[in-house]
Amino acid sequence: MADNAPKAPRQLALVLLVARFLRAVGGVSLLASETMRCSFRGPFARREFVHQVETVGIQSLTIAILTAAFSSMVMTVQFAVQMTRFGVKEYVGSVVSLSLVRELGPALTALMVGGRVGAGIAAELGSMRVTEQVDAIRAMGADPVRKLVVPRVLATTLALPLLTIFADILGVFGAMVVARLDSGVGMTLFLESMLRSVTLEDFMHGLVKTVFFGFLLGVIACYKGLSTSGGTEGVGRATTETVVITSLVTLCVDFVLTNLLLGFGL
């Protein structure tokens, strides 16, 4: 009896953790379905949507470009050193461009923008939740999902692919410059190597994933914001959890989508 006593609290904690996880998954799924329903039915706050596109897209452009550019430049230096040892330095452009377009561009953009935007959305909606502004919207007969969630989710879903396009272009350009200055690979050789290897399917492979990343980022951030409780301390907790959860979900979904898209030939 004495040996089994300490196991009961641990088992109870595990059950509560699983129950909390399942409740969160169910809540996110319900919010996602409601968001999709409201997106295709009836009007939503178009002015708020434009504002969110500016916040998510334009204001995140710098961080997305810098992340992709410096990541691609580091990869170029590393690959050039290693590939020189095997006498295939001319393929640096192919390797770096494929890695950036198919994987690093979409994933790093989603992680960096997700941390910035997700925290902002969770903090904003969480503050509205604890100050009862969300309840006031319901009291006036408006739908909080249509008014608050839909513009933000649509903005993240639209802006993330566009940011990824800019990140890919500037990342390739940065890699090309570094390859010329640091590794002696000519820009013409770099471009020819890239154009021989990178196809439209490779570009679409990365771009399709960002649509899912953006949608999940917006839904999770909105869910954490609308489910905030506990005053200002709860807002801070929801903001931190949003950054962690969106980062983990992005990496997990990236793995799943990569396998699925490769199965479909992308």
C-alpha atoms as a PDB file:
ATOM      1  CA  MET A   1       0.000   0.000   0.000  1.00  0.00           C
ATOM      2  CA  ALA A   2       2.796   2.391   0.881  1.00  0.00           C
ATOM      3  CA  ASP A   3       4.555   1.734  -2.430  1.00  0.00           C
ATOM      4  CA  ASN A   4       1.420   2.416  -4.442  1.00  0.00           C
ATOM      5  CA  ALA A   5       0.519   5.640  -2.630  1.00  0.00           C
ATOM      6  CA  PRO A   6       2.989   7.938  -4.461  1.00  0.00           C
ATOM      7  CA  LYS A   7       1.811   6.644  -7.825  1.00  0.00           C
ATOM      8  CA  ALA A   8      -1.722   7.996  -7.419  1.00  0.00           C
ATOM      9  CA  PRO A   9      -0.779  11.722  -7.601  1.00  0.00           C
ATOM     10  CA  ARG A  10       1.437  11.081 -10.616  1.00  0.00           C
ATOM     11  CA  GLN A  11      -1.309   9.171 -12.406  1.00  0.00           C
ATOM     12  CA  LEU A  12      -3.809  11.908 -11.602  1.00  0.00           C
ATOM     13  CA  ALA A  13      -1.431  14.572 -12.916  1.00  0.00           C
ATOM     14  CA  LEU A  14      -0.945  12.569 -16.114  1.00  0.00           C
ATOM     15  CA  VAL A  15      -4.707  12.205 -16.587  1.00  0.00           C
ATOM     16  CA  LEU A  16      -5.216  15.936 -16.053  1.00  0.00           C
ATOM     17  CA  LEU A  17      -2.438  16.721 -18.533  1.00  0.00           C
ATOM     18  CA  VAL A  18      -3.966  14.461 -21.184  1.00  0.00           C
ATOM     19  CA  ALA A  19      -7.421  15.930 -20.518  1.00  0.00           C
ATOM     20  CA  ARG A  20      -6.051  19.456 -20.865  1.00  0.00           C
ATOM     21  CA  PHE A  21      -4.308  18.547 -24.110  1.00  0.00           C
ATOM     22  CA  LEU A  22      -7.447  16.966 -25.587  1.00  0.00           C
ATOM     23  CA  ARG A  23      -9.544  19.937 -24.536  1.00  0.00           C
ATOM     24  CA  ALA A  24      -7.096  22.305 -26.222  1.00  0.00           C
ATOM     25  CA  VAL A  25      -7.069  20.226 -29.416  1.00  0.00           C
ATOM     26  CA  GLY A  26     -10.865  20.157 -29.428  1.00  0.00           C
ATOM     27  CA  GLY A  27     -11.085  23.888 -28.807  1.00  0.00           C
ATOM     28  CA  VAL A  28      -8.643  24.707 -31.599  1.00  0.00           C
ATOM     29  CA  SER A  29     -10.495  22.353 -33.972  1.00  0.00           C
ATOM     30  CA  LEU A  30     -13.865  23.923 -33.190  1.00  0.00           C
ATOM     31  CA  LEU A  31     -12.454  27.433 -33.603  1.00  0.00           C
ATOM     32  CA  ALA A  32     -10.838  26.434 -36.908  1.00  0.00           C
ATOM     33  CA  SER A  33     -14.112  25.033 -38.281  1.00  0.00           C
ATOM     34  CA  GLU A  34     -16.059  28.077 -37.104  1.00  0.00           C
ATOM     35  CA  THR A  35     -13.475  30.373 -38.678  1.00  0.00           C
ATOM     36  CA  MET A  36     -13.710  28.579 -42.011  1.00  0.00           C
ATOM     37  CA  ARG A  37     -17.500  28.710 -41.896  1.00  0.00           C
ATOM     38  CA  CYS A  38     -17.525  32.448 -41.187  1.00  0.00           C
ATOM     39  CA  SER A  39     -14.886  33.069 -43.870  1.00  0.00           C
ATOM     40  CA  PHE A  40     -17.075  31.623 -46.631  1.00  0.00           C
ATOM     41  CA  ARG A  41     -20.427  32.848 -45.319  1.00  0.00           C
ATOM     42  CA  GLY A  42     -21.446  36.438 -44.938  1.00  0.00           C
ATOM     43  CA  PRO A  43     -19.331  39.568 -44.552  1.00  0.00           C
ATOM     44  CA  PHE A  44     -16.521  40.035 -42.048  1.00  0.00           C
ATOM     45  CA  ALA A  45     -14.559  43.034 -40.813  1.00  0.00           C
ATOM     46  CA  ARG A  46     -12.735  43.969 -44.022  1.00  0.00           C
ATOM     47  CA  ARG A  47     -11.134  47.077 -42.547  1.00  0.00           C
ATOM     48  CA  GLU A  48      -9.747  45.003 -39.683  1.00  0.00           C
ATOM     49  CA  PHE A  49      -8.502  42.458 -42.228  1.00  0.00           C
ATOM     50  CA  VAL A  50      -6.528  45.133 -44.094  1.00  0.00           C
ATOM     51  CA  HIS A  51      -5.070  46.360 -40.804  1.00  0.00           C
ATOM     52  CA  GLN A  52      -4.042  42.827 -39.831  1.00  0.00           C
ATOM     53  CA  VAL A  53      -2.432  42.227 -43.241  1.00  0.00           C
ATOM     54  CA  GLU A  54      -0.321  45.324 -42.657  1.00  0.00           C
ATOM     55  CA  THR A  55       0.568  44.203 -39.134  1.00  0.00           C
ATOM     56  CA  VAL A  56       1.324  40.591 -40.030  1.00  0.00           C
ATOM     57  CA  GLY A  57       2.802  41.115 -43.477  1.00  0.00           C
ATOM     58  CA  ILE A  58       4.436  44.489 -43.959  1.00  0.00           C
ATOM     59  CA  GLN A  59       5.702  44.884 -40.391  1.00  0.00           C
ATOM     60  CA  SER A  60       7.155  41.356 -40.437  1.00  0.00           C
ATOM     61  CA  LEU A  61       8.906  41.770 -43.778  1.00  0.00           C
ATOM     62  CA  THR A  62      12.235  42.859 -42.307  1.00  0.00           C
ATOM     63  CA  ILE A  63      12.567  39.976 -39.866  1.00  0.00           C
ATOM     64  CA  ALA A  64      11.568  37.427 -42.515  1.00  0.00           C
ATOM     65  CA  ILE A  65      14.093  38.736 -45.055  1.00  0.00           C
ATOM     66  CA  LEU A  66      16.944  39.019 -42.550  1.00  0.00           C
ATOM     67  CA  THR A  67      16.313  35.517 -41.221  1.00  0.00           C
ATOM     68  CA  ALA A  68      16.321  33.951 -44.686  1.00  0.00           C
ATOM     69  CA  ALA A  69      19.275  36.004 -45.923  1.00  0.00           C
ATOM     70  CA  PHE A  70      21.619  35.240 -43.036  1.00  0.00           C
ATOM     71  CA  SER A  71      20.559  31.587 -42.882  1.00  0.00           C
ATOM     72  CA  SER A  72      21.290  31.129 -46.566  1.00  0.00           C
ATOM     73  CA  MET A  73      24.619  32.960 -46.247  1.00  0.00           C
ATOM     74  CA  VAL A  74      25.705  30.701 -43.374  1.00  0.00           C
ATOM     75  CA  MET A  75      24.663  27.632 -45.368  1.00  0.00           C
ATOM     76  CA  THR A  76      26.636  28.850 -48.360  1.00  0.00           C
ATOM     77  CA  VAL A  77      29.822  29.199 -46.334  1.00  0.00           C
ATOM     78  CA  GLN A  78      29.378  25.793 -44.706  1.00  0.00           C
ATOM     79  CA  PHE A  79      28.469  23.929 -47.894  1.00  0.00           C
ATOM     80  CA  ALA A  80      31.210  25.604 -49.914  1.00  0.00           C
ATOM     81  CA  VAL A  81      33.884  24.457 -47.451  1.00  0.00           C
ATOM     82  CA  GLN A  82      32.625  20.884 -47.342  1.00  0.00           C
ATOM     83  CA  MET A  83      31.900  20.550 -51.067  1.00  0.00           C
ATOM     84  CA  THR A  84      35.319  21.938 -51.977  1.00  0.00           C
ATOM     85  CA  ARG A  85      36.854  18.947 -50.234  1.00  0.00           C
ATOM     86  CA  PHE A  86      35.066  16.657 -52.713  1.00  0.00           C
ATOM     87  CA  GLY A  87      35.648  18.837 -55.773  1.00  0.00           C
ATOM     88  CA  VAL A  88      31.978  19.721 -56.371  1.00  0.00           C
ATOM     89  CA  LYS A  89      31.965  23.362 -55.283  1.00  0.00           C
ATOM     90  CA  GLU A  90      30.058  24.329 -58.436  1.00  0.00           C
ATOM     91  CA  TYR A  91      26.936  22.671 -56.983  1.00  0.00           C
ATOM     92  CA  VAL A  92      26.742  25.037 -54.017  1.00  0.00           C
ATOM     93  CA  GLY A  93      24.009  27.046 -55.746  1.00  0.00           C
ATOM     94  CA  SER A  94      21.869  23.946 -56.260  1.00  0.00           C
ATOM     95  CA  VAL A  95      22.147  22.708 -52.695  1.00  0.00           C
ATOM     96  CA  VAL A  96      21.596  26.058 -51.007  1.00  0.00           C
ATOM     97  CA  SER A  97      18.717  27.092 -53.270  1.00  0.00           C
ATOM     98  CA  LEU A  98      16.890  23.779 -52.903  1.00  0.00           C
ATOM     99  CA  SER A  99      17.319  23.806 -49.132  1.00  0.00           C
ATOM    100  CA  LEU A 100      16.060  27.373 -48.903  1.00  0.00           C
ATOM    101  CA  VAL A 101      13.099  27.091 -51.268  1.00  0.00           C
ATOM    102  CA  ARG A 102      11.811  23.717 -50.107  1.00  0.00           C
ATOM    103  CA  GLU A 103      12.477  23.837 -46.385  1.00  0.00           C
ATOM    104  CA  LEU A 104      14.402  26.597 -44.653  1.00  0.00           C
ATOM    105  CA  GLY A 105      12.578  29.541 -46.222  1.00  0.00           C
ATOM    106  CA  PRO A 106       9.050  28.401 -45.272  1.00  0.00           C
ATOM    107  CA  ALA A 107       9.992  26.919 -41.891  1.00  0.00           C
ATOM    108  CA  LEU A 108      12.195  29.748 -40.624  1.00  0.00           C
ATOM    109  CA  THR A 109       9.757  32.392 -41.842  1.00  0.00           C
ATOM    110  CA  ALA A 110       6.904  30.628 -40.068  1.00  0.00           C
ATOM    111  CA  LEU A 111       8.909  30.294 -36.848  1.00  0.00           C
ATOM    112  CA  MET A 112      10.131  33.884 -36.733  1.00  0.00           C
ATOM    113  CA  VAL A 113       6.906  35.528 -37.897  1.00  0.00           C
ATOM    114  CA  GLY A 114       4.859  33.097 -35.800  1.00  0.00           C
ATOM    115  CA  GLY A 115       6.684  34.103 -32.646  1.00  0.00           C
ATOM    116  CA  ARG A 116       6.194  37.793 -33.324  1.00  0.00           C
ATOM    117  CA  VAL A 117       2.647  37.739 -34.679  1.00  0.00           C
ATOM    118  CA  GLY A 118       1.334  34.919 -32.498  1.00  0.00           C
ATOM    119  CA  ALA A 119       2.437  36.664 -29.325  1.00  0.00           C
ATOM    120  CA  GLY A 120       0.843  39.909 -30.495  1.00  0.00           C
ATOM    121  CA  ILE A 121      -2.499  38.299 -31.359  1.00  0.00           C
ATOM    122  CA  ALA A 122      -2.635  36.338 -28.107  1.00  0.00           C
ATOM    123  CA  ALA A 123      -1.790  39.408 -26.039  1.00  0.00           C
ATOM    124  CA  GLU A 124      -4.321  41.589 -27.845  1.00  0.00           C
ATOM    125  CA  LEU A 125      -7.223  39.142 -27.644  1.00  0.00           C
ATOM    126  CA  GLY A 126      -6.213  38.062 -24.141  1.00  0.00           C
ATOM    127  CA  SER A 127      -6.394  41.661 -22.936  1.00  0.00           C
ATOM    128  CA  MET A 128      -9.813  42.005 -24.531  1.00  0.00           C
ATOM    129  CA  ARG A 129     -10.894  38.784 -22.851  1.00  0.00           C
ATOM    130  CA  VAL A 130      -9.832  39.694 -19.305  1.00  0.00           C
ATOM    131  CA  THR A 131     -11.293  43.210 -19.616  1.00  0.00           C
ATOM    132  CA  GLU A 132     -14.621  41.699 -20.788  1.00  0.00           C
ATOM    133  CA  GLN A 133     -14.543  43.386 -24.195  1.00  0.00           C
ATOM    134  CA  VAL A 134     -15.235  40.034 -25.868  1.00  0.00           C
ATOM    135  CA  ASP A 135     -18.332  39.615 -23.685  1.00  0.00           C
ATOM    136  CA  ALA A 136     -19.402  43.121 -24.655  1.00  0.00           C
ATOM    137  CA  ILE A 137     -19.186  42.163 -28.337  1.00  0.00           C
ATOM    138  CA  ARG A 138     -21.466  39.187 -27.690  1.00  0.00           C
ATOM    139  CA  ALA A 139     -23.860  41.390 -25.689  1.00  0.00           C
ATOM    140  CA  MET A 140     -24.211  43.725 -28.685  1.00  0.00           C
ATOM    141  CA  GLY A 141     -25.252  40.766 -30.843  1.00  0.00           C
ATOM    142  CA  ALA A 142     -22.009  40.474 -32.814  1.00  0.00           C
ATOM    143  CA  ASP A 143     -20.024  37.292 -33.335  1.00  0.00           C
ATOM    144  CA  PRO A 144     -16.508  37.498 -31.812  1.00  0.00           C
ATOM    145  CA  VAL A 145     -15.246  34.870 -34.247  1.00  0.00           C
ATOM    146  CA  ARG A 146     -16.433  36.827 -37.275  1.00  0.00           C
ATOM    147  CA  LYS A 147     -15.268  40.158 -35.878  1.00  0.00           C
ATOM    148  CA  LEU A 148     -11.983  39.227 -34.208  1.00  0.00           C
ATOM    149  CA  VAL A 149     -10.774  35.818 -35.360  1.00  0.00           C
ATOM    150  CA  VAL A 150     -11.555  35.697 -39.084  1.00  0.00           C
ATOM    151  CA  PRO A 151      -9.603  38.856 -40.065  1.00  0.00           C
ATOM    152  CA  ARG A 152      -6.549  37.705 -38.140  1.00  0.00           C
ATOM    153  CA  VAL A 153      -6.579  34.139 -39.435  1.00  0.00           C
ATOM    154  CA  LEU A 154      -7.090  35.249 -43.033  1.00  0.00           C
ATOM    155  CA  ALA A 155      -4.287  37.784 -42.647  1.00  0.00           C
ATOM    156  CA  THR A 156      -1.781  35.192 -41.378  1.00  0.00           C
ATOM    157  CA  THR A 157      -2.858  32.693 -44.044  1.00  0.00           C
ATOM    158  CA  LEU A 158      -2.366  35.239 -46.823  1.00  0.00           C
ATOM    159  CA  ALA A 159       0.688  37.069 -45.512  1.00  0.00           C
ATOM    160  CA  LEU A 160       2.907  34.100 -44.690  1.00  0.00           C
ATOM    161  CA  PRO A 161       3.176  32.791 -48.298  1.00  0.00           C
ATOM    162  CA  LEU A 162       3.926  36.310 -49.529  1.00  0.00           C
ATOM    163  CA  LEU A 163       6.599  36.768 -46.873  1.00  0.00           C
ATOM    164  CA  THR A 164       8.106  33.425 -47.846  1.00  0.00           C
ATOM    165  CA  ILE A 165       8.389  34.521 -51.484  1.00  0.00           C
ATOM    166  CA  PHE A 166      10.349  37.621 -50.473  1.00  0.00           C
ATOM    167  CA  ALA A 167      12.451  35.545 -48.068  1.00  0.00           C
ATOM    168  CA  ASP A 168      13.315  33.024 -50.792  1.00  0.00           C
ATOM    169  CA  ILE A 169      14.305  35.705 -53.293  1.00  0.00           C
ATOM    170  CA  LEU A 170      16.451  37.711 -50.884  1.00  0.00           C
ATOM    171  CA  GLY A 171      17.891  34.536 -49.378  1.00  0.00           C
ATOM    172  CA  VAL A 172      19.071  33.286 -52.758  1.00  0.00           C
ATOM    173  CA  PHE A 173      20.507  36.692 -53.555  1.00  0.00           C
ATOM    174  CA  GLY A 174      22.421  36.791 -50.253  1.00  0.00           C
ATOM    175  CA  ALA A 175      23.740  33.275 -50.828  1.00  0.00           C
ATOM    176  CA  MET A 176      24.862  34.216 -54.323  1.00  0.00           C
ATOM    177  CA  VAL A 177      26.771  37.263 -53.084  1.00  0.00           C
ATOM    178  CA  VAL A 178      28.489  35.323 -50.294  1.00  0.00           C
ATOM    179  CA  ALA A 179      29.369  32.504 -52.680  1.00  0.00           C
ATOM    180  CA  ARG A 180      31.095  35.028 -54.944  1.00  0.00           C
ATOM    181  CA  LEU A 181      32.917  36.976 -52.239  1.00  0.00           C
ATOM    182  CA  ASP A 182      33.799  34.242 -49.769  1.00  0.00           C
ATOM    183  CA  SER A 183      34.036  31.043 -51.821  1.00  0.00           C
ATOM    184  CA  GLY A 184      34.963  32.238 -55.296  1.00  0.00           C
ATOM    185  CA  VAL A 185      31.861  30.787 -56.959  1.00  0.00           C
ATOM    186  CA  GLY A 186      30.826  33.124 -59.756  1.00  0.00           C
ATOM    187  CA  MET A 187      27.324  34.557 -59.750  1.00  0.00           C
ATOM    188  CA  THR A 188      26.665  33.204 -63.241  1.00  0.00           C
ATOM    189  CA  LEU A 189      27.726  29.711 -62.194  1.00  0.00           C
ATOM    190  CA  PHE A 190      25.607  29.986 -59.057  1.00  0.00           C
ATOM    191  CA  LEU A 191      22.519  31.038 -61.037  1.00  0.00           C
ATOM    192  CA  GLU A 192      23.006  28.365 -63.678  1.00  0.00           C
ATOM    193  CA  SER A 193      23.374  25.700 -61.003  1.00  0.00           C
ATOM    194  CA  MET A 194      20.266  26.960 -59.236  1.00  0.00           C
ATOM    195  CA  LEU A 195      18.137  27.107 -62.406  1.00  0.00           C
ATOM    196  CA  ARG A 196      19.133  23.569 -63.346  1.00  0.00           C
ATOM    197  CA  SER A 197      18.031  22.206 -59.991  1.00  0.00           C
ATOM    198  CA  VAL A 198      15.159  24.341 -58.648  1.00  0.00           C
ATOM    199  CA  THR A 199      11.857  23.740 -60.423  1.00  0.00           C
ATOM    200  CA  LEU A 200       8.357  25.144 -60.006  1.00  0.00           C
ATOM    201  CA  GLU A 201       7.430  22.031 -58.038  1.00  0.00           C
ATOM    202  CA  ASP A 202      10.179  22.795 -55.537  1.00  0.00           C
ATOM    203  CA  PHE A 203       8.930  26.340 -55.136  1.00  0.00           C
ATOM    204  CA  MET A 204       5.315  25.195 -54.718  1.00  0.00           C
ATOM    205  CA  HIS A 205       6.395  22.553 -52.204  1.00  0.00           C
ATOM    206  CA  GLY A 206       7.517  25.260 -49.808  1.00  0.00           C
ATOM    207  CA  LEU A 207       4.729  27.678 -50.621  1.00  0.00           C
ATOM    208  CA  VAL A 208       1.914  25.194 -49.990  1.00  0.00           C
ATOM    209  CA  LYS A 209       3.235  24.487 -46.523  1.00  0.00           C
ATOM    210  CA  THR A 210       3.171  28.157 -45.558  1.00  0.00           C
ATOM    211  CA  VAL A 211      -0.589  28.294 -46.152  1.00  0.00           C
ATOM    212  CA  PHE A 212      -1.075  25.636 -43.469  1.00  0.00           C
ATOM    213  CA  PHE A 213       1.486  27.293 -41.206  1.00  0.00           C
ATOM    214  CA  GLY A 214      -0.281  30.641 -41.456  1.00  0.00           C
ATOM    215  CA  PHE A 215      -3.743  29.200 -40.841  1.00  0.00           C
ATOM    216  CA  LEU A 216      -2.661  27.187 -37.803  1.00  0.00           C
ATOM    217  CA  LEU A 217      -0.677  30.115 -36.433  1.00  0.00           C
ATOM    218  CA  GLY A 218      -3.698  32.400 -36.572  1.00  0.00           C
ATOM    219  CA  VAL A 219      -6.132  29.865 -35.110  1.00  0.00           C
ATOM    220  CA  ILE A 220      -3.871  28.825 -32.223  1.00  0.00           C
ATOM    221  CA  ALA A 221      -3.009  32.422 -31.322  1.00  0.00           C
ATOM    222  CA  CYS A 222      -6.675  33.438 -31.384  1.00  0.00           C
ATOM    223  CA  TYR A 223      -7.684  30.406 -29.325  1.00  0.00           C
ATOM    224  CA  LYS A 224      -5.088  31.126 -26.657  1.00  0.00           C
ATOM    225  CA  GLY A 225      -6.145  34.762 -26.562  1.00  0.00           C
ATOM    226  CA  LEU A 226      -9.873  34.070 -26.295  1.00  0.00           C
ATOM    227  CA  SER A 227      -9.362  31.404 -23.626  1.00  0.00           C
ATOM    228  CA  THR A 228      -7.213  33.642 -21.424  1.00  0.00           C
ATOM    229  CA  SER A 229      -8.125  33.909 -17.756  1.00  0.00           C
ATOM    230  CA  GLY A 230      -6.449  35.212 -14.634  1.00  0.00           C
ATOM    231  CA  GLY A 231      -5.978  38.887 -15.414  1.00  0.00           C
ATOM    232  CA  THR A 232      -2.698  40.350 -16.621  1.00  0.00           C
ATOM    233  CA  GLU A 233      -0.760  37.313 -15.385  1.00  0.00           C
ATOM    234  CA  GLY A 234      -2.967  35.130 -17.564  1.00  0.00           C
ATOM    235  CA  VAL A 235      -2.265  37.341 -20.574  1.00  0.00           C
ATOM    236  CA  GLY A 236       1.471  36.905 -20.109  1.00  0.00           C
ATOM    237  CA  ARG A 237       1.067  33.157 -19.694  1.00  0.00           C
ATOM    238  CA  ALA A 238      -1.096  32.893 -22.821  1.00  0.00           C
ATOM    239  CA  THR A 239       1.454  34.898 -24.820  1.00  0.00           C
ATOM    240  CA  THR A 240       4.332  32.641 -23.775  1.00  0.00           C
ATOM    241  CA  GLU A 241       2.352  29.462 -24.427  1.00  0.00           C
ATOM    242  CA  THR A 242       1.355  30.734 -27.863  1.00  0.00           C
ATOM    243  CA  VAL A 243       4.969  31.211 -28.956  1.00  0.00           C
ATOM    244  CA  VAL A 244       5.962  27.753 -27.709  1.00  0.00           C
ATOM    245  CA  ILE A 245       2.929  25.937 -29.124  1.00  0.00           C
ATOM    246  CA  THR A 246       3.017  27.593 -32.538  1.00  0.00           C
ATOM    247  CA  SER A 247       6.728  26.806 -32.894  1.00  0.00           C
ATOM    248  CA  LEU A 248       6.225  23.139 -32.003  1.00  0.00           C
ATOM    249  CA  VAL A 249       3.146  22.818 -34.211  1.00  0.00           C
ATOM    250  CA  THR A 250       5.017  24.403 -37.127  1.00  0.00           C
ATOM    251  CA  LEU A 251       7.839  21.872 -36.866  1.00  0.00           C
ATOM    252  CA  CYS A 252       5.482  18.894 -36.470  1.00  0.00           C
ATOM    253  CA  VAL A 253       3.221  19.972 -39.334  1.00  0.00           C
ATOM    254  CA  ASP A 254       6.295  20.648 -41.468  1.00  0.00           C
ATOM    255  CA  PHE A 255       7.387  17.031 -41.049  1.00  0.00           C
ATOM    256  CA  VAL A 256       3.920  15.671 -41.870  1.00  0.00           C
ATOM    257  CA  LEU A 257       3.371  17.944 -44.883  1.00  0.00           C
ATOM    258  CA  THR A 258       6.833  17.212 -46.284  1.00  0.00           C
ATOM    259  CA  ASN A 259       6.079  13.499 -46.363  1.00  0.00           C
ATOM    260  CA  LEU A 260       2.607  14.051 -47.818  1.00  0.00           C
ATOM    261  CA  LEU A 261       3.787  16.438 -50.530  1.00  0.00           C
ATOM    262  CA  LEU A 262       6.642  14.153 -51.495  1.00  0.00           C
ATOM    263  CA  GLY A 263       4.092  11.378 -51.774  1.00  0.00           C
ATOM    264  CA  PHE A 264       2.090  13.526 -54.208  1.00  0.00           C
ATOM    265  CA  GLY A 265       5.200  14.302 -56.245  1.00  0.00           C
ATOM    266  CA  LEU A 266       5.863  17.830 -54.976  1.00  0.00           C
END
